[in-house]
C-alpha atoms as a PDB file:
ATOM      1  CA  GLY A   1     -24.462 -53.888 -18.458  1.00  0.00           C
ATOM      2  CA  THR A   2     -24.903 -54.760 -22.113  1.00  0.00           C
ATOM      3  CA  PHE A   3     -23.408 -52.368 -24.668  1.00  0.00           C
ATOM      4  CA  THR A   4     -23.689 -52.170 -28.452  1.00  0.00           C
ATOM      5  CA  VAL A   5     -21.456 -50.575 -31.073  1.00  0.00           C
ATOM      6  CA  ARG A   6     -23.072 -49.928 -34.466  1.00  0.00           C
ATOM      7  CA  LEU A   7     -21.677 -48.696 -37.768  1.00  0.00           C
ATOM      8  CA  LEU A   8     -24.375 -47.216 -40.015  1.00  0.00           C
ATOM      9  CA  GLN A   9     -23.987 -46.572 -43.736  1.00  0.00           C
ATOM     10  CA  THR A  10     -26.481 -45.001 -46.140  1.00  0.00           C
ATOM     11  CA  THR A  11     -25.520 -44.739 -49.811  1.00  0.00           C
ATOM     12  CA  THR A  12     -27.815 -43.034 -52.307  1.00  0.00           C
ATOM     13  CA  PHE A  13     -27.110 -44.115 -55.889  1.00  0.00           C
ATOM     14  CA  GLN A  14     -28.322 -41.203 -58.016  1.00  0.00           C
ATOM     15  CA  ASN A  15     -27.083 -42.748 -61.269  1.00  0.00           C
ATOM     16  CA  THR A  16     -24.328 -45.056 -62.509  1.00  0.00           C
ATOM     17  CA  SER A  17     -21.631 -42.434 -61.955  1.00  0.00           C
ATOM     18  CA  PHE A  18     -22.660 -40.707 -58.713  1.00  0.00           C
ATOM     19  CA  ALA A  19     -23.273 -42.125 -55.237  1.00  0.00           C
ATOM     20  CA  ASP A  20     -23.550 -40.151 -52.008  1.00  0.00           C
ATOM     21  CA  THR A  21     -22.479 -41.974 -48.821  1.00  0.00           C
ATOM     22  CA  GLU A  22     -23.149 -41.077 -45.192  1.00  0.00           C
ATOM     23  CA  GLY A  23     -21.651 -43.016 -42.290  1.00  0.00           C
ATOM     24  CA  LEU A  24     -21.979 -42.920 -38.514  1.00  0.00           C
ATOM     25  CA  GLY A  25     -20.486 -44.876 -35.615  1.00  0.00           C
ATOM     26  CA  LEU A  26     -22.441 -45.228 -32.364  1.00  0.00           C
ATOM     27  CA  LEU A  27     -21.771 -46.588 -28.884  1.00  0.00           C
ATOM     28  CA  GLU A  28     -25.334 -47.072 -27.671  1.00  0.00           C
ATOM     29  CA  ASP A  29     -26.759 -43.668 -28.747  1.00  0.00           C
ATOM     30  CA  ILE A  30     -23.476 -41.754 -28.385  1.00  0.00           C
ATOM     31  CA  GLU A  31     -22.040 -40.576 -31.710  1.00  0.00           C
ATOM     32  CA  LEU A  32     -18.428 -41.741 -31.911  1.00  0.00           C
ATOM     33  CA  GLY A  33     -17.572 -40.585 -35.407  1.00  0.00           C
ATOM     34  CA  SER A  34     -18.952 -39.782 -38.822  1.00  0.00           C
ATOM     35  CA  LEU A  35     -17.727 -40.269 -42.371  1.00  0.00           C
ATOM     36  CA  ASP A  36     -16.544 -37.336 -44.462  1.00  0.00           C
ATOM     37  CA  GLN A  37     -18.719 -37.546 -47.580  1.00  0.00           C
ATOM     38  CA  HIS A  38     -15.938 -36.336 -49.876  1.00  0.00           C
ATOM     39  CA  THR A  39     -12.792 -38.026 -48.534  1.00  0.00           C
ATOM     40  CA  TRP A  40     -14.370 -41.006 -46.707  1.00  0.00           C
ATOM     41  CA  SER A  41     -12.155 -40.179 -43.732  1.00  0.00           C
ATOM     42  CA  ILE A  42     -13.324 -40.544 -40.132  1.00  0.00           C
ATOM     43  CA  HIS A  43     -14.400 -37.398 -38.273  1.00  0.00           C
ATOM     44  CA  PHE A  44     -14.371 -37.967 -34.500  1.00  0.00           C
ATOM     45  CA  CYS A  45     -17.477 -36.653 -32.724  1.00  0.00           C
ATOM     46  CA  GLN A  46     -16.158 -37.094 -29.159  1.00  0.00           C
ATOM     47  CA  PRO A  47     -12.715 -35.920 -27.968  1.00  0.00           C
ATOM     48  CA  TRP A  48     -12.056 -39.186 -26.123  1.00  0.00           C
ATOM     49  CA  VAL A  49     -12.716 -41.520 -29.064  1.00  0.00           C
ATOM     50  CA  ARG A  50      -9.357 -40.999 -30.790  1.00  0.00           C
ATOM     51  CA  SER A  51      -7.519 -41.855 -27.549  1.00  0.00           C
ATOM     52  CA  ALA A  52      -9.441 -45.105 -27.092  1.00  0.00           C
ATOM     53  CA  LEU A  53      -7.457 -46.960 -29.785  1.00  0.00           C
ATOM     54  CA  PRO A  54      -3.835 -46.782 -30.963  1.00  0.00           C
ATOM     55  CA  ARG A  55      -3.124 -44.607 -33.999  1.00  0.00           C
ATOM     56  CA  ALA A  56      -2.188 -47.697 -36.034  1.00  0.00           C
ATOM     57  CA  ASP A  57      -5.625 -49.240 -35.379  1.00  0.00           C
ATOM     58  CA  TRP A  58      -7.414 -46.103 -36.573  1.00  0.00           C
ATOM     59  CA  ASP A  59      -5.218 -46.036 -39.699  1.00  0.00           C
ATOM     60  CA  THR A  60      -6.121 -49.666 -40.427  1.00  0.00           C
ATOM     61  CA  ILE A  61      -9.840 -49.000 -39.933  1.00  0.00           C
ATOM     62  CA  ASP A  62      -9.638 -45.893 -42.118  1.00  0.00           C
ATOM     63  CA  ASN A  63      -7.948 -47.801 -44.954  1.00  0.00           C
ATOM     64  CA  LEU A  64     -10.368 -50.732 -44.745  1.00  0.00           C
ATOM     65  CA  LEU A  65     -13.339 -48.350 -44.875  1.00  0.00           C
ATOM     66  CA  LYS A  66     -12.052 -46.683 -48.044  1.00  0.00           C
ATOM     67  CA  ILE A  67     -11.421 -50.043 -49.757  1.00  0.00           C
ATOM     68  CA  TYR A  68     -14.814 -51.332 -48.670  1.00  0.00           C
ATOM     69  CA  LEU A  69     -16.751 -48.269 -49.883  1.00  0.00           C
ATOM     70  CA  GLN A  70     -14.971 -48.208 -53.234  1.00  0.00           C
ATOM     71  CA  GLN A  71     -15.743 -51.873 -53.902  1.00  0.00           C
ATOM     72  CA  PHE A  72     -19.264 -51.576 -52.484  1.00  0.00           C
ATOM     73  CA  ASN A  73     -20.213 -48.752 -54.859  1.00  0.00           C
ATOM     74  CA  HIS A  74     -18.697 -50.535 -57.860  1.00  0.00           C
ATOM     75  CA  LEU A  75     -20.387 -53.865 -57.186  1.00  0.00           C
ATOM     76  CA  ILE A  76     -23.805 -52.386 -56.375  1.00  0.00           C
ATOM     77  CA  ASN A  77     -23.744 -50.291 -59.553  1.00  0.00           C
ATOM     78  CA  GLU A  78     -22.666 -53.306 -61.586  1.00  0.00           C
ATOM     79  CA  GLY A  79     -25.513 -55.412 -60.212  1.00  0.00           C
ATOM     80  CA  ALA A  80     -28.061 -52.632 -60.710  1.00  0.00           C
ATOM     81  CA  MET A  81     -27.101 -52.194 -64.368  1.00  0.00           C
ATOM     82  CA  GLN A  82     -27.122 -55.935 -65.075  1.00  0.00           C
ATOM     83  CA  ARG A  83     -30.593 -56.317 -63.570  1.00  0.00           C
ATOM     84  CA  ASP A  84     -32.107 -53.045 -64.827  1.00  0.00           C
ATOM     85  CA  VAL A  85     -32.676 -51.654 -61.329  1.00  0.00           C
ATOM     86  CA  PRO A  86     -34.161 -48.144 -61.676  1.00  0.00           C
ATOM     87  CA  TYR A  87     -32.176 -45.188 -60.331  1.00  0.00           C
ATOM     88  CA  PRO A  88     -32.123 -43.514 -57.879  1.00  0.00           C
ATOM     89  CA  PHE A  89     -32.146 -46.054 -55.054  1.00  0.00           C
ATOM     90  CA  VAL A  90     -30.769 -46.274 -51.521  1.00  0.00           C
ATOM     91  CA  ALA A  91     -28.617 -49.011 -49.982  1.00  0.00           C
ATOM     92  CA  GLN A  92     -28.257 -49.160 -46.203  1.00  0.00           C
ATOM     93  CA  CYS A  93     -25.849 -51.228 -44.117  1.00  0.00           C
ATOM     94  CA  MET A  94     -25.571 -51.728 -40.378  1.00  0.00           C
ATOM     95  CA  ALA A  95     -22.872 -53.768 -38.683  1.00  0.00           C
ATOM     96  CA  GLY A  96     -21.677 -53.994 -35.119  1.00  0.00           C
ATOM     97  CA  CYS A  97     -21.296 -56.076 -32.022  1.00  0.00           C
ATOM     98  CA  VAL A  98     -22.950 -56.517 -28.654  1.00  0.00           C
ATOM     99  CA  LEU A  99     -20.839 -56.919 -25.518  1.00  0.00           C
ATOM    100  CA  TYR A 100     -22.565 -58.793 -22.691  1.00  0.00           C
ATOM    101  CA  PRO A 101     -21.732 -58.499 -18.963  1.00  0.00           C
ATOM    102  CA  ASN A 102     -19.900 -61.858 -18.990  1.00  0.00           C
ATOM    103  CA  ARG A 103     -17.516 -60.489 -21.692  1.00  0.00           C
ATOM    104  CA  THR A 104     -19.010 -62.626 -24.448  1.00  0.00           C
ATOM    105  CA  SER A 105     -19.921 -60.836 -27.655  1.00  0.00           C
ATOM    106  CA  GLU A 106     -22.187 -61.202 -30.672  1.00  0.00           C
ATOM    107  CA  VAL A 107     -21.622 -59.772 -34.148  1.00  0.00           C
ATOM    108  CA  PHE A 108     -24.404 -58.616 -36.476  1.00  0.00           C
ATOM    109  CA  ALA A 109     -24.642 -57.164 -39.987  1.00  0.00           C
ATOM    110  CA  TYR A 110     -27.641 -56.190 -42.121  1.00  0.00           C
ATOM    111  CA  VAL A 111     -28.173 -54.764 -45.596  1.00  0.00           C
ATOM    112  CA  GLY A 112     -31.270 -52.784 -46.598  1.00  0.00           C
ATOM    113  CA  TYR A 113     -32.623 -51.641 -49.959  1.00  0.00           C
ATOM    114  CA  ASN A 114     -34.887 -48.574 -50.203  1.00  0.00           C
ATOM    115  CA  GLY A 115     -35.684 -48.805 -46.508  1.00  0.00           C
ATOM    116  CA  GLN A 116     -36.580 -52.520 -46.481  1.00  0.00           C
ATOM    117  CA  ASP A 117     -34.690 -55.479 -45.016  1.00  0.00           C
ATOM    118  CA  PHE A 118     -32.622 -57.107 -47.731  1.00  0.00           C
ATOM    119  CA  LEU A 119     -29.910 -59.384 -46.309  1.00  0.00           C
ATOM    120  CA  SER A 120     -28.584 -60.377 -42.902  1.00  0.00           C
ATOM    121  CA  PHE A 121     -25.308 -61.947 -41.836  1.00  0.00           C
ATOM    122  CA  ASP A 122     -25.376 -65.345 -40.127  1.00  0.00           C
ATOM    123  CA  THR A 123     -22.359 -65.055 -37.845  1.00  0.00           C
ATOM    124  CA  LYS A 124     -22.314 -68.728 -36.850  1.00  0.00           C
ATOM    125  CA  ASN A 125     -21.975 -69.948 -40.424  1.00  0.00           C
ATOM    126  CA  ALA A 126     -20.376 -66.774 -41.841  1.00  0.00           C
ATOM    127  CA  THR A 127     -23.012 -66.644 -44.593  1.00  0.00           C
ATOM    128  CA  TRP A 128     -25.483 -64.035 -45.848  1.00  0.00           C
ATOM    129  CA  THR A 129     -29.174 -64.956 -45.726  1.00  0.00           C
ATOM    130  CA  LEU A 130     -31.996 -63.431 -47.772  1.00  0.00           C
ATOM    131  CA  SER A 131     -34.585 -61.220 -46.090  1.00  0.00           C
ATOM    132  CA  GLN A 132     -36.425 -60.899 -49.412  1.00  0.00           C
ATOM    133  CA  ASP A 133     -35.978 -63.205 -52.389  1.00  0.00           C
ATOM    134  CA  THR A 134     -35.444 -61.162 -55.566  1.00  0.00           C
ATOM    135  CA  ASN A 135     -33.019 -61.253 -58.484  1.00  0.00           C
ATOM    136  CA  LEU A 136     -31.144 -58.304 -57.010  1.00  0.00           C
ATOM    137  CA  SER A 137     -30.980 -59.756 -53.484  1.00  0.00           C
ATOM    138  CA  ARG A 138     -29.633 -63.062 -54.827  1.00  0.00           C
ATOM    139  CA  TYR A 139     -27.001 -61.183 -56.820  1.00  0.00           C
ATOM    140  CA  VAL A 140     -25.957 -59.130 -53.778  1.00  0.00           C
ATOM    141  CA  GLN A 141     -25.912 -62.278 -51.643  1.00  0.00           C
ATOM    142  CA  SER A 142     -23.648 -63.965 -54.181  1.00  0.00           C
ATOM    143  CA  PHE A 143     -21.056 -61.211 -54.306  1.00  0.00           C
ATOM    144  CA  LEU A 144     -21.110 -60.618 -50.534  1.00  0.00           C
ATOM    145  CA  GLN A 145     -20.180 -64.265 -50.017  1.00  0.00           C
ATOM    146  CA  ASN A 146     -17.003 -63.575 -51.986  1.00  0.00           C
ATOM    147  CA  TYR A 147     -16.566 -59.953 -50.875  1.00  0.00           C
ATOM    148  CA  THR A 148     -13.225 -60.013 -49.073  1.00  0.00           C
ATOM    149  CA  ALA A 149     -13.161 -56.301 -48.151  1.00  0.00           C
ATOM    150  CA  LEU A 150     -16.414 -56.491 -46.183  1.00  0.00           C
ATOM    151  CA  SER A 151     -15.489 -59.820 -44.608  1.00  0.00           C
ATOM    152  CA  GLU A 152     -12.139 -58.405 -43.490  1.00  0.00           C
ATOM    153  CA  LEU A 153     -13.780 -55.255 -42.136  1.00  0.00           C
ATOM    154  CA  VAL A 154     -16.365 -57.181 -40.110  1.00  0.00           C
ATOM    155  CA  GLU A 155     -13.740 -59.673 -38.938  1.00  0.00           C
ATOM    156  CA  MET A 156     -11.243 -56.995 -37.905  1.00  0.00           C
ATOM    157  CA  LEU A 157     -13.705 -54.592 -36.274  1.00  0.00           C
ATOM    158  CA  PHE A 158     -15.915 -57.087 -34.515  1.00  0.00           C
ATOM    159  CA  ASN A 159     -15.005 -60.773 -34.383  1.00  0.00           C
ATOM    160  CA  GLU A 160     -11.352 -60.286 -33.471  1.00  0.00           C
ATOM    161  CA  THR A 161     -11.417 -57.196 -31.288  1.00  0.00           C
ATOM    162  CA  CYS A 162     -15.001 -56.517 -30.177  1.00  0.00           C
ATOM    163  CA  VAL A 163     -14.422 -57.177 -26.474  1.00  0.00           C
ATOM    164  CA  ASP A 164     -11.079 -55.366 -26.204  1.00  0.00           C
ATOM    165  CA  GLU A 165     -12.052 -52.333 -28.278  1.00  0.00           C
ATOM    166  CA  MET A 166     -15.465 -52.011 -26.627  1.00  0.00           C
ATOM    167  CA  GLU A 167     -13.869 -52.065 -23.183  1.00  0.00           C
ATOM    168  CA  MET A 168     -11.397 -49.381 -24.279  1.00  0.00           C
ATOM    169  CA  LEU A 169     -14.242 -47.206 -25.574  1.00  0.00           C
ATOM    170  CA  LEU A 170     -16.181 -47.741 -22.347  1.00  0.00           C
ATOM    171  CA  HIS A 171     -13.097 -46.847 -20.300  1.00  0.00           C
ATOM    172  CA  TYR A 172     -12.385 -43.588 -22.122  1.00  0.00           C
ATOM    173  CA  GLY A 173     -16.040 -42.687 -22.579  1.00  0.00           C
ATOM    174  CA  ARG A 174     -17.307 -43.702 -19.154  1.00  0.00           C
ATOM    175  CA  ALA A 175     -18.574 -40.210 -18.291  1.00  0.00           C
ATOM    176  CA  ALA A 176     -20.590 -40.065 -21.523  1.00  0.00           C
ATOM    177  CA  VAL A 177     -21.931 -43.617 -21.148  1.00  0.00           C
ATOM    178  CA  GLU A 178     -22.921 -43.126 -17.499  1.00  0.00           C
ATOM    179  CA  ARG A 179     -24.430 -39.647 -17.973  1.00  0.00           C
ATOM    180  CA  GLN A 180     -27.840 -39.247 -16.360  1.00  0.00           C
ATOM    181  CA  GLU A 181     -30.296 -36.376 -16.735  1.00  0.00           C
ATOM    182  CA  LEU A 182     -33.481 -36.141 -14.679  1.00  0.00           C
ATOM    183  CA  PRO A 183     -36.822 -36.015 -16.513  1.00  0.00           C
ATOM    184  CA  VAL A 184     -38.957 -32.872 -16.320  1.00  0.00           C
ATOM    185  CA  ALA A 185     -42.678 -33.604 -16.591  1.00  0.00           C
ATOM    186  CA  THR A 186     -45.739 -31.398 -17.027  1.00  0.00           C
ATOM    187  CA  VAL A 187     -49.421 -32.282 -17.315  1.00  0.00           C
ATOM    188  CA  PHE A 188     -51.967 -30.167 -19.186  1.00  0.00           C
ATOM    189  CA  ALA A 189     -55.300 -30.677 -20.942  1.00  0.00           C
ATOM    190  CA  ARG A 190     -56.839 -30.006 -24.341  1.00  0.00           C
ATOM    191  CA  ASN A 191     -60.525 -29.900 -25.277  1.00  0.00           C
ATOM    192  CA  PRO A 192     -61.000 -31.140 -28.851  1.00  0.00           C
ATOM    193  CA  SER A 193     -64.769 -31.379 -28.237  1.00  0.00           C
ATOM    194  CA  PRO A 194     -67.265 -30.798 -25.395  1.00  0.00           C
ATOM    195  CA  GLU A 195     -67.515 -34.566 -24.903  1.00  0.00           C
ATOM    196  CA  GLN A 196     -63.779 -35.266 -24.682  1.00  0.00           C
ATOM    197  CA  LEU A 197     -60.823 -34.088 -22.631  1.00  0.00           C
ATOM    198  CA  LEU A 198     -57.266 -34.981 -23.630  1.00  0.00           C
ATOM    199  CA  LEU A 199     -54.840 -35.180 -20.714  1.00  0.00           C
ATOM    200  CA  VAL A 200     -51.263 -34.684 -21.930  1.00  0.00           C
ATOM    201  CA  CYS A 201     -48.182 -35.715 -19.952  1.00  0.00           C
ATOM    202  CA  HIS A 202     -45.081 -34.211 -21.564  1.00  0.00           C
ATOM    203  CA  VAL A 203     -41.753 -35.582 -20.316  1.00  0.00           C
ATOM    204  CA  THR A 204     -38.479 -34.085 -21.522  1.00  0.00           C
ATOM    205  CA  GLY A 205     -34.795 -33.572 -20.745  1.00  0.00           C
ATOM    206  CA  PHE A 206     -34.060 -37.157 -19.675  1.00  0.00           C
ATOM    207  CA  TYR A 207     -31.056 -39.361 -20.395  1.00  0.00           C
ATOM    208  CA  PRO A 208     -30.461 -42.254 -20.960  1.00  0.00           C
ATOM    209  CA  ARG A 209     -33.246 -43.071 -23.402  1.00  0.00           C
ATOM    210  CA  PRO A 210     -35.242 -45.864 -21.650  1.00  0.00           C
ATOM    211  CA  ILE A 211     -38.158 -44.496 -19.629  1.00  0.00           C
ATOM    212  CA  SER A 212     -41.560 -45.609 -18.333  1.00  0.00           C
ATOM    213  CA  VAL A 213     -44.532 -43.224 -18.454  1.00  0.00           C
ATOM    214  CA  ALA A 214     -47.981 -44.349 -17.304  1.00  0.00           C
ATOM    215  CA  TRP A 215     -51.324 -42.826 -16.327  1.00  0.00           C
ATOM    216  CA  LEU A 216     -52.972 -43.716 -13.009  1.00  0.00           C
ATOM    217  CA  ARG A 217     -56.755 -43.521 -12.672  1.00  0.00           C
ATOM    218  CA  ASP A 218     -57.738 -43.409  -8.990  1.00  0.00           C
ATOM    219  CA  GLY A 219     -54.322 -44.871  -8.184  1.00  0.00           C
ATOM    220  CA  GLN A 220     -54.567 -47.767 -10.674  1.00  0.00           C
ATOM    221  CA  GLU A 221     -52.498 -47.902 -13.863  1.00  0.00           C
ATOM    222  CA  VAL A 222     -54.532 -47.322 -17.027  1.00  0.00           C
ATOM    223  CA  PRO A 223     -54.021 -50.341 -19.331  1.00  0.00           C
ATOM    224  CA  PRO A 224     -53.200 -49.971 -23.051  1.00  0.00           C
ATOM    225  CA  GLY A 225     -56.235 -49.199 -25.183  1.00  0.00           C
ATOM    226  CA  PRO A 226     -57.712 -46.780 -27.723  1.00  0.00           C
ATOM    227  CA  ALA A 227     -57.962 -43.994 -25.113  1.00  0.00           C
ATOM    228  CA  LEU A 228     -54.209 -44.092 -24.393  1.00  0.00           C
ATOM    229  CA  ASN A 229     -51.656 -42.859 -26.922  1.00  0.00           C
ATOM    230  CA  THR A 230     -47.955 -42.626 -26.061  1.00  0.00           C
ATOM    231  CA  SER A 231     -45.540 -41.208 -28.625  1.00  0.00           C
ATOM    232  CA  THR A 232     -42.203 -42.651 -29.600  1.00  0.00           C
ATOM    233  CA  ILE A 233     -39.177 -41.298 -27.747  1.00  0.00           C
ATOM    234  CA  LEU A 234     -37.727 -38.350 -29.676  1.00  0.00           C
ATOM    235  CA  PRO A 235     -34.302 -36.680 -29.399  1.00  0.00           C
ATOM    236  CA  ASN A 236     -33.762 -33.118 -28.179  1.00  0.00           C
ATOM    237  CA  ALA A 237     -31.056 -30.802 -29.508  1.00  0.00           C
ATOM    238  CA  ASP A 238     -29.132 -31.053 -26.200  1.00  0.00           C
ATOM    239  CA  LEU A 239     -28.692 -34.853 -26.529  1.00  0.00           C
ATOM    240  CA  THR A 240     -31.548 -35.643 -24.158  1.00  0.00           C
ATOM    241  CA  TYR A 241     -34.939 -37.157 -25.011  1.00  0.00           C
ATOM    242  CA  GLN A 242     -38.639 -36.368 -24.815  1.00  0.00           C
ATOM    243  CA  LEU A 243     -42.013 -38.039 -25.249  1.00  0.00           C
ATOM    244  CA  ARG A 244     -45.654 -37.414 -24.469  1.00  0.00           C
ATOM    245  CA  SER A 245     -48.483 -39.625 -23.309  1.00  0.00           C
ATOM    246  CA  VAL A 246     -52.076 -38.606 -24.059  1.00  0.00           C
ATOM    247  CA  LEU A 247     -55.111 -40.032 -22.273  1.00  0.00           C
ATOM    248  CA  ALA A 248     -58.643 -39.357 -23.568  1.00  0.00           C
ATOM    249  CA  VAL A 249     -61.248 -39.002 -20.803  1.00  0.00           C
ATOM    250  CA  ALA A 250     -64.744 -37.610 -20.363  1.00  0.00           C
ATOM    251  CA  PRO A 251     -64.862 -34.141 -18.750  1.00  0.00           C
ATOM    252  CA  ARG A 252     -65.815 -34.184 -15.055  1.00  0.00           C
ATOM    253  CA  ASP A 253     -66.008 -37.977 -14.959  1.00  0.00           C
ATOM    254  CA  GLY A 254     -65.364 -38.017 -11.204  1.00  0.00           C
ATOM    255  CA  HIS A 255     -62.006 -39.807 -11.422  1.00  0.00           C
ATOM    256  CA  SER A 256     -58.574 -38.546 -10.431  1.00  0.00           C
ATOM    257  CA  TYR A 257     -55.628 -38.808 -12.834  1.00  0.00           C
ATOM    258  CA  VAL A 258     -51.887 -38.813 -12.268  1.00  0.00           C
ATOM    259  CA  CYS A 259     -48.980 -39.188 -14.684  1.00  0.00           C
ATOM    260  CA  ARG A 260     -46.267 -41.474 -13.296  1.00  0.00           C
ATOM    261  CA  VAL A 261     -42.680 -41.322 -14.601  1.00  0.00           C
ATOM    262  CA  ARG A 262     -39.970 -43.877 -13.876  1.00  0.00           C
ATOM    263  CA  HIS A 263     -36.395 -43.406 -15.083  1.00  0.00           C
ATOM    264  CA  HIS A 264     -32.921 -44.704 -14.291  1.00  0.00           C
ATOM    265  CA  SER A 265     -31.826 -41.270 -13.017  1.00  0.00           C
ATOM    266  CA  LEU A 266     -34.563 -41.421 -10.357  1.00  0.00           C
ATOM    267  CA  GLY A 267     -33.303 -44.698  -8.903  1.00  0.00           C
ATOM    268  CA  THR A 268     -36.123 -46.522  -7.107  1.00  0.00           C
ATOM    269  CA  ARG A 269     -38.242 -43.366  -6.958  1.00  0.00           C
ATOM    270  CA  SER A 270     -41.008 -42.231  -9.303  1.00  0.00           C
ATOM    271  CA  LEU A 271     -42.373 -38.852 -10.349  1.00  0.00           C
ATOM    272  CA  LEU A 272     -46.109 -38.320  -9.814  1.00  0.00           C
ATOM    273  CA  ILE A 273     -47.685 -35.363 -11.629  1.00  0.00           C
ATOM    274  CA  PRO A 274     -51.408 -35.003 -10.818  1.00  0.00           C
ATOM    275  CA  TRP A 275     -53.764 -33.423 -13.333  1.00  0.00           C
ATOM    276  CA  GLY A 276     -55.261 -30.250 -11.905  1.00  0.00           C
ATOM    277  CA  SER A 277     -52.468 -29.624  -9.388  1.00  0.00           C
ATOM    278  CA  SER A 278     -49.128 -27.833  -9.683  1.00  0.00           C
ATOM    279  CA  GLU A 279     -47.579 -30.218  -7.162  1.00  0.00           C
ATOM    280  CA  VAL A 280     -45.008 -32.731  -8.396  1.00  0.00           C
ATOM    281  CA  VAL A 281     -44.298 -35.577  -5.995  1.00  0.00           C
ATOM    282  CA  LEU A 282     -41.152 -37.735  -5.899  1.00  0.00           C
ATOM    283  CA  ILE A 283     -41.869 -41.086  -4.280  1.00  0.00           C
ATOM    284  CA  THR A 284     -40.088 -44.352  -3.612  1.00  0.00           C
ATOM    285  CA  GLY A 285     -41.235 -47.593  -5.159  1.00  0.00           C
ATOM    286  CA  LEU A 286     -42.200 -49.123  -1.805  1.00  0.00           C
ATOM    287  CA  THR A 287     -44.632 -46.356  -0.904  1.00  0.00           C
ATOM    288  CA  ALA A 288     -45.856 -45.617  -4.422  1.00  0.00           C
ATOM    289  CA  GLY A 289     -49.342 -47.025  -4.024  1.00  0.00           C
ATOM    290  CA  LEU A 290     -50.065 -45.368  -0.685  1.00  0.00           C
ATOM    291  CA  LEU A 291     -48.653 -41.957  -1.567  1.00  0.00           C
ATOM    292  CA  ALA A 292     -50.244 -41.989  -5.010  1.00  0.00           C
ATOM    293  CA  ALA A 293     -53.625 -42.444  -3.389  1.00  0.00           C
ATOM    294  CA  MET A 294     -52.899 -39.631  -0.922  1.00  0.00           C
ATOM    295  CA  VAL A 295     -51.698 -37.242  -3.629  1.00  0.00           C
ATOM    296  CA  ILE A 296     -54.663 -37.747  -5.935  1.00  0.00           C
ATOM    297  CA  ALA A 297     -57.401 -38.108  -3.353  1.00  0.00           C
ATOM    298  CA  ALA A 298     -58.591 -34.545  -3.797  1.00  0.00           C
ATOM    299  CA  VAL A 299     -57.772 -34.210  -7.496  1.00  0.00           C
ATOM    300  CA  SER A 300     -60.443 -35.105 -10.043  1.00  0.00           C
ATOM    301  CA  VAL A 301     -61.350 -34.138 -13.587  1.00  0.00           C
END
């Protein structure tokens, strides 16, 4: 499959003399390590991460991170003072690489300012391009072009070793990367008014993150529209995910409704959870239409 490693940095500049930096490394959504806010040293979040690379490589990465952060804070503060940028403000950086199944890779890097896109790195030409054209963004673009610490960090972490290091991480972290947790789904209703019934399909406990949740009306999928509202996928404390899909219907409208869940852990099967029935049905993709009709035939709002 395709895998992505991302390094995330958020630095809050409270004033010219104090900046608070948070850092996180991710393989897909697995936390590899975080940055100690006081020492800027790497704290490993998974026991297998340290073993994935030689000690000398981690020492090099650790040293480059410290040099980069020191110069980053100095240069951002210098630019902010020269251009009268009001404090406090937040600078965000994301860099990483994508490893494709054919062992080719692609590097990316972005800089944000107060939550908005600011600059992006053009890997083909090794240049920084503006996402918004301001005096500050042009200043930051100018110094990034000559910013050797960041260039060396991106080059060392991604361009030179992306494929090899990613494959080492995938080897040592295979159990974490391939972990699968089955979704648990429930359907219930709410009555905000006598004229409206809200059918809620709550799906939780699943991993990995991608999932498909749909409502079936009389066996046919309900298309997107104002009556259908599906939340974003949210994390649980146990490193699984949850979401809910809400369908607005008229009470006793004579139709039958089923929530259908598809997830990688289910393989080619789907979960069918009818409204008004405690029965949960696990079906295969080939017989989905027929069995869905059979399950919901006697179930109506």
